[in-house]
Amino acid sequence: MATVTPKPAVPASDELAGCIAEQAHLLDPADPLFVRLVCEHDDCCSTDADYPNWTPGGQA
């Protein structure tokens, strides 16, 4: 049986701000270019210190 951990309530204003920010990303003509950059050069997007247990592409 899965354990469900309740998440704290998010104020409506914060939720609205998050939705607006997401819409801005969807409508930004440069966003697909950024996504492509991350996909093609994921090794340049962070350092080992940022995510010590993470490897590009999820390789062990």
N, C-alpha and C. Protein backbone atom coordinates (compact mmCIF):
# COMPACT_ATOMS: atom_id res chain seq x y z
N MET A 1 0.84 -1.17 0.00
CA MET A 1 0.00 0.00 0.00
C MET A 1 0.90 1.25 0.00
N ALA A 2 0.56 2.18 -0.85
CA ALA A 2 1.34 3.41 -0.96
C ALA A 2 1.01 4.35 0.20
N THR A 3 2.01 5.05 0.64
CA THR A 3 1.82 6.06 1.68
C THR A 3 1.66 7.41 1.01
N VAL A 4 0.65 8.13 1.43
CA VAL A 4 0.38 9.45 0.86
C VAL A 4 0.76 10.50 1.90
N THR A 5 1.63 11.40 1.50
CA THR A 5 2.02 12.49 2.38
C THR A 5 1.29 13.74 1.95
N PRO A 6 0.44 14.29 2.83
CA PRO A 6 -0.29 15.50 2.43
C PRO A 6 0.65 16.67 2.18
N LYS A 7 0.34 17.43 1.17
CA LYS A 7 1.12 18.62 0.85
C LYS A 7 0.49 19.82 1.56
N PRO A 8 1.33 20.78 1.96
CA PRO A 8 0.76 21.97 2.61
C PRO A 8 -0.10 22.76 1.62
N ALA A 9 -1.08 23.44 2.14
CA ALA A 9 -1.96 24.25 1.30
C ALA A 9 -1.16 25.38 0.66
N VAL A 10 -1.46 25.66 -0.58
CA VAL A 10 -0.80 26.75 -1.31
C VAL A 10 -1.79 27.90 -1.41
N PRO A 11 -1.39 29.10 -0.99
CA PRO A 11 -2.31 30.23 -1.13
C PRO A 11 -2.74 30.41 -2.59
N ALA A 12 -3.98 30.80 -2.78
CA ALA A 12 -4.52 30.97 -4.13
C ALA A 12 -3.67 31.94 -4.97
N SER A 13 -3.16 32.98 -4.34
CA SER A 13 -2.35 33.96 -5.09
C SER A 13 -1.06 33.31 -5.60
N ASP A 14 -0.46 32.42 -4.80
CA ASP A 14 0.76 31.73 -5.24
C ASP A 14 0.45 30.75 -6.36
N GLU A 15 -0.69 30.08 -6.24
CA GLU A 15 -1.09 29.13 -7.28
C GLU A 15 -1.35 29.87 -8.59
N LEU A 16 -2.01 31.01 -8.53
CA LEU A 16 -2.28 31.82 -9.72
C LEU A 16 -0.97 32.31 -10.33
N ALA A 17 -0.05 32.76 -9.49
CA ALA A 17 1.24 33.23 -9.99
C ALA A 17 1.98 32.11 -10.70
N GLY A 18 1.91 30.90 -10.16
CA GLY A 18 2.55 29.76 -10.80
C GLY A 18 1.93 29.44 -12.15
N CYS A 19 0.60 29.53 -12.24
CA CYS A 19 -0.09 29.28 -13.51
C CYS A 19 0.29 30.34 -14.55
N ILE A 20 0.38 31.57 -14.13
CA ILE A 20 0.75 32.65 -15.05
C ILE A 20 2.18 32.46 -15.54
N ALA A 21 3.08 32.07 -14.63
CA ALA A 21 4.47 31.83 -15.03
C ALA A 21 4.55 30.68 -16.03
N GLU A 22 3.78 29.62 -15.80
CA GLU A 22 3.80 28.48 -16.73
C GLU A 22 3.26 28.90 -18.10
N GLN A 23 2.21 29.70 -18.12
CA GLN A 23 1.68 30.19 -19.40
C GLN A 23 2.72 31.03 -20.13
N ALA A 24 3.47 31.83 -19.38
CA ALA A 24 4.51 32.64 -20.01
C ALA A 24 5.54 31.76 -20.71
N HIS A 25 5.89 30.64 -20.07
CA HIS A 25 6.84 29.72 -20.69
C HIS A 25 6.25 29.11 -21.96
N LEU A 26 4.99 28.74 -21.90
CA LEU A 26 4.35 28.11 -23.06
C LEU A 26 4.23 29.06 -24.23
N LEU A 27 4.08 30.35 -23.96
CA LEU A 27 3.90 31.35 -25.01
C LEU A 27 5.21 31.99 -25.47
N ASP A 28 6.28 31.76 -24.76
CA ASP A 28 7.57 32.36 -25.08
C ASP A 28 8.15 31.68 -26.32
N PRO A 29 8.37 32.43 -27.41
CA PRO A 29 8.89 31.81 -28.63
C PRO A 29 10.31 31.24 -28.46
N ALA A 30 11.05 31.70 -27.47
CA ALA A 30 12.41 31.19 -27.25
C ALA A 30 12.41 29.93 -26.38
N ASP A 31 11.30 29.61 -25.74
CA ASP A 31 11.28 28.47 -24.82
C ASP A 31 11.66 27.15 -25.51
N PRO A 32 11.15 26.84 -26.70
CA PRO A 32 11.58 25.59 -27.35
C PRO A 32 13.09 25.53 -27.61
N LEU A 33 13.70 26.68 -27.86
CA LEU A 33 15.15 26.71 -28.07
C LEU A 33 15.88 26.37 -26.78
N PHE A 34 15.38 26.90 -25.67
CA PHE A 34 15.99 26.61 -24.38
C PHE A 34 15.84 25.13 -24.05
N VAL A 35 14.66 24.57 -24.28
CA VAL A 35 14.43 23.16 -24.01
C VAL A 35 15.37 22.31 -24.85
N ARG A 36 15.54 22.67 -26.11
CA ARG A 36 16.44 21.92 -26.99
C ARG A 36 17.88 21.99 -26.48
N LEU A 37 18.28 23.17 -26.03
CA LEU A 37 19.63 23.34 -25.49
C LEU A 37 19.86 22.42 -24.30
N VAL A 38 18.88 22.37 -23.41
CA VAL A 38 19.00 21.52 -22.23
C VAL A 38 19.08 20.05 -22.63
N CYS A 39 18.26 19.63 -23.58
CA CYS A 39 18.25 18.24 -24.01
C CYS A 39 19.56 17.84 -24.69
N GLU A 40 20.11 18.73 -25.48
CA GLU A 40 21.32 18.41 -26.23
C GLU A 40 22.61 18.60 -25.42
N HIS A 41 22.55 19.43 -24.39
CA HIS A 41 23.76 19.75 -23.61
C HIS A 41 23.47 19.68 -22.12
N ASP A 42 22.81 18.61 -21.68
CA ASP A 42 22.44 18.51 -20.28
C ASP A 42 23.65 18.47 -19.34
N ASP A 43 24.79 18.07 -19.86
CA ASP A 43 25.99 18.04 -19.03
C ASP A 43 26.47 19.45 -18.66
N CYS A 44 25.99 20.47 -19.37
CA CYS A 44 26.39 21.85 -19.10
C CYS A 44 25.38 22.60 -18.23
N CYS A 45 24.32 21.96 -17.85
CA CYS A 45 23.24 22.64 -17.16
C CYS A 45 23.38 22.65 -15.65
N SER A 46 24.25 21.84 -15.11
CA SER A 46 24.46 21.82 -13.67
C SER A 46 25.86 21.30 -13.39
N THR A 47 26.22 21.35 -12.13
CA THR A 47 27.51 20.82 -11.73
C THR A 47 27.29 19.66 -10.77
N ASP A 48 28.32 18.89 -10.50
CA ASP A 48 28.21 17.79 -9.56
C ASP A 48 27.79 18.29 -8.18
N ALA A 49 28.21 19.49 -7.81
CA ALA A 49 27.85 20.04 -6.50
C ALA A 49 26.36 20.36 -6.42
N ASP A 50 25.72 20.67 -7.55
CA ASP A 50 24.30 20.98 -7.55
C ASP A 50 23.45 19.76 -7.21
N TYR A 51 23.78 18.64 -7.81
CA TYR A 51 23.01 17.40 -7.66
C TYR A 51 23.98 16.24 -7.50
N PRO A 52 24.46 15.97 -6.30
CA PRO A 52 25.52 14.99 -6.13
C PRO A 52 25.16 13.57 -6.55
N ASN A 53 23.90 13.18 -6.54
CA ASN A 53 23.51 11.81 -6.91
C ASN A 53 22.88 11.72 -8.28
N TRP A 54 22.99 12.77 -9.09
CA TRP A 54 22.35 12.82 -10.41
C TRP A 54 23.40 12.66 -11.50
N THR A 55 23.05 11.95 -12.55
CA THR A 55 23.93 11.85 -13.72
C THR A 55 23.13 12.22 -14.97
N PRO A 56 23.74 12.88 -15.96
CA PRO A 56 23.03 13.22 -17.18
C PRO A 56 22.41 11.98 -17.82
N GLY A 57 21.18 12.08 -18.18
CA GLY A 57 20.49 10.97 -18.81
C GLY A 57 20.03 9.90 -17.84
N GLY A 58 20.26 10.08 -16.56
CA GLY A 58 19.84 9.13 -15.56
C GLY A 58 20.68 7.87 -15.51
N GLN A 59 21.88 7.91 -16.08
CA GLN A 59 22.73 6.73 -16.08
C GLN A 59 23.36 6.54 -14.71
N ALA A 60 23.50 5.31 -14.32
CA ALA A 60 24.08 5.01 -13.00
C ALA A 60 25.59 5.11 -13.03
